[in-house]
Amino acid sequence: MEKKSGDEIRLEKKDLKATFEYLGTLMPGYKEASALKYIDTDNSGYIKGIELDALVEYAYGFGYYRSSSLL
């Protein structure tokens, strides 16, 4: 995860892959590429801004969630 000026958070490919690994995805690299293609509407190569909300909806839509604390 990278913070840009103005506290904008950007998720890179490696962050997406790590997220899907954490959620227990069988093929996290494929899911990362699929999510980036589907969600990165401005083709920046990052998930940022309102795309972060779309990422959460994308993950929930596939049944991925963690009910426990992220600690």
C-alpha atoms as a PDB file:
ATOM      1  CA  MET A   1       0.000   0.000   0.000  1.00  0.00           C
ATOM      2  CA  GLU A   2       1.281   3.396  -0.889  1.00  0.00           C
ATOM      3  CA  LYS A   3       0.199   6.794   0.398  1.00  0.00           C
ATOM      4  CA  LYS A   4       0.338   9.668  -2.033  1.00  0.00           C
ATOM      5  CA  SER A   5       0.006  13.358  -1.357  1.00  0.00           C
ATOM      6  CA  GLY A   6      -3.233  14.327   0.333  1.00  0.00           C
ATOM      7  CA  ASP A   7      -3.350  10.960   2.139  1.00  0.00           C
ATOM      8  CA  GLU A   8      -4.601   9.145  -0.961  1.00  0.00           C
ATOM      9  CA  ILE A   9      -4.174   5.392  -0.546  1.00  0.00           C
ATOM     10  CA  ARG A  10      -3.184   3.324  -3.579  1.00  0.00           C
ATOM     11  CA  LEU A  11      -3.144  -0.458  -3.751  1.00  0.00           C
ATOM     12  CA  GLU A  12      -0.655  -2.024  -6.132  1.00  0.00           C
ATOM     13  CA  LYS A  13      -0.776  -5.493  -7.717  1.00  0.00           C
ATOM     14  CA  LYS A  14       1.271  -6.987  -4.882  1.00  0.00           C
ATOM     15  CA  ASP A  15      -1.165  -5.529  -2.326  1.00  0.00           C
ATOM     16  CA  LEU A  16      -4.152  -7.020  -4.137  1.00  0.00           C
ATOM     17  CA  LYS A  17      -2.464 -10.411  -4.358  1.00  0.00           C
ATOM     18  CA  ALA A  18      -1.620 -10.326  -0.638  1.00  0.00           C
ATOM     19  CA  THR A  19      -5.223  -9.384   0.133  1.00  0.00           C
ATOM     20  CA  PHE A  20      -6.637 -12.307  -1.812  1.00  0.00           C
ATOM     21  CA  GLU A  21      -4.056 -14.648  -0.230  1.00  0.00           C
ATOM     22  CA  TYR A  22      -5.218 -13.447   3.194  1.00  0.00           C
ATOM     23  CA  LEU A  23      -8.829 -14.130   2.226  1.00  0.00           C
ATOM     24  CA  GLY A  24      -7.936 -17.702   1.244  1.00  0.00           C
ATOM     25  CA  THR A  25      -8.245 -17.459  -2.536  1.00  0.00           C
ATOM     26  CA  LEU A  26      -6.988 -20.564  -4.329  1.00  0.00           C
ATOM     27  CA  MET A  27      -5.428 -18.577  -7.177  1.00  0.00           C
ATOM     28  CA  PRO A  28      -4.612 -15.133  -5.717  1.00  0.00           C
ATOM     29  CA  GLY A  29      -2.562 -14.011  -8.728  1.00  0.00           C
ATOM     30  CA  TYR A  30      -5.473 -14.668 -11.081  1.00  0.00           C
ATOM     31  CA  LYS A  31      -7.970 -12.985  -8.752  1.00  0.00           C
ATOM     32  CA  GLU A  32      -5.656  -9.963  -8.390  1.00  0.00           C
ATOM     33  CA  ALA A  33      -5.377  -9.576 -12.166  1.00  0.00           C
ATOM     34  CA  SER A  34      -9.117 -10.007 -12.601  1.00  0.00           C
ATOM     35  CA  ALA A  35      -9.922  -7.463  -9.886  1.00  0.00           C
ATOM     36  CA  LEU A  36      -7.474  -4.935 -11.308  1.00  0.00           C
ATOM     37  CA  LYS A  37      -8.925  -5.309 -14.812  1.00  0.00           C
ATOM     38  CA  TYR A  38     -12.507  -4.996 -13.554  1.00  0.00           C
ATOM     39  CA  ILE A  39     -12.047  -2.234 -10.958  1.00  0.00           C
ATOM     40  CA  ASP A  40      -9.229  -0.010 -12.267  1.00  0.00           C
ATOM     41  CA  THR A  41     -11.515   2.177 -14.369  1.00  0.00           C
ATOM     42  CA  ASP A  42      -8.904   4.864 -15.054  1.00  0.00           C
ATOM     43  CA  ASN A  43      -6.259   2.290 -16.111  1.00  0.00           C
ATOM     44  CA  SER A  44      -3.699   3.727 -13.690  1.00  0.00           C
ATOM     45  CA  GLY A  45      -2.451   0.310 -12.582  1.00  0.00           C
ATOM     46  CA  TYR A  46      -3.574   1.034  -9.026  1.00  0.00           C
ATOM     47  CA  ILE A  47      -6.765   0.757  -7.014  1.00  0.00           C
ATOM     48  CA  LYS A  48      -7.444   4.115  -5.406  1.00  0.00           C
ATOM     49  CA  GLY A  49     -10.218   6.490  -4.367  1.00  0.00           C
ATOM     50  CA  ILE A  50     -13.714   5.228  -5.055  1.00  0.00           C
ATOM     51  CA  GLU A  51     -12.193   2.146  -6.674  1.00  0.00           C
ATOM     52  CA  LEU A  52     -11.432   0.954  -3.123  1.00  0.00           C
ATOM     53  CA  ASP A  53     -15.180   0.760  -2.447  1.00  0.00           C
ATOM     54  CA  ALA A  54     -15.615  -1.207  -5.668  1.00  0.00           C
ATOM     55  CA  LEU A  55     -12.869  -3.609  -4.529  1.00  0.00           C
ATOM     56  CA  VAL A  56     -14.740  -4.329  -1.296  1.00  0.00           C
ATOM     57  CA  GLU A  57     -17.959  -4.965  -3.239  1.00  0.00           C
ATOM     58  CA  TYR A  58     -16.034  -7.167  -5.685  1.00  0.00           C
ATOM     59  CA  ALA A  59     -14.621  -9.292  -2.860  1.00  0.00           C
ATOM     60  CA  TYR A  60     -17.977  -9.568  -1.083  1.00  0.00           C
ATOM     61  CA  GLY A  61     -19.601 -10.548  -4.372  1.00  0.00           C
ATOM     62  CA  PHE A  62     -17.327 -13.582  -4.534  1.00  0.00           C
ATOM     63  CA  GLY A  63     -18.046 -14.460  -0.909  1.00  0.00           C
ATOM     64  CA  TYR A  64     -14.715 -13.286   0.506  1.00  0.00           C
ATOM     65  CA  TYR A  65     -14.854 -11.724   3.926  1.00  0.00           C
ATOM     66  CA  ARG A  66     -13.200 -11.963   7.305  1.00  0.00           C
ATOM     67  CA  SER A  67     -15.401 -11.613  10.341  1.00  0.00           C
ATOM     68  CA  SER A  68     -12.496 -11.586  12.793  1.00  0.00           C
ATOM     69  CA  SER A  69     -10.202  -8.686  13.564  1.00  0.00           C
ATOM     70  CA  LEU A  70      -7.461  -7.910  11.071  1.00  0.00           C
ATOM     71  CA  LEU A  71      -4.883  -7.904  13.855  1.00  0.00           C
END
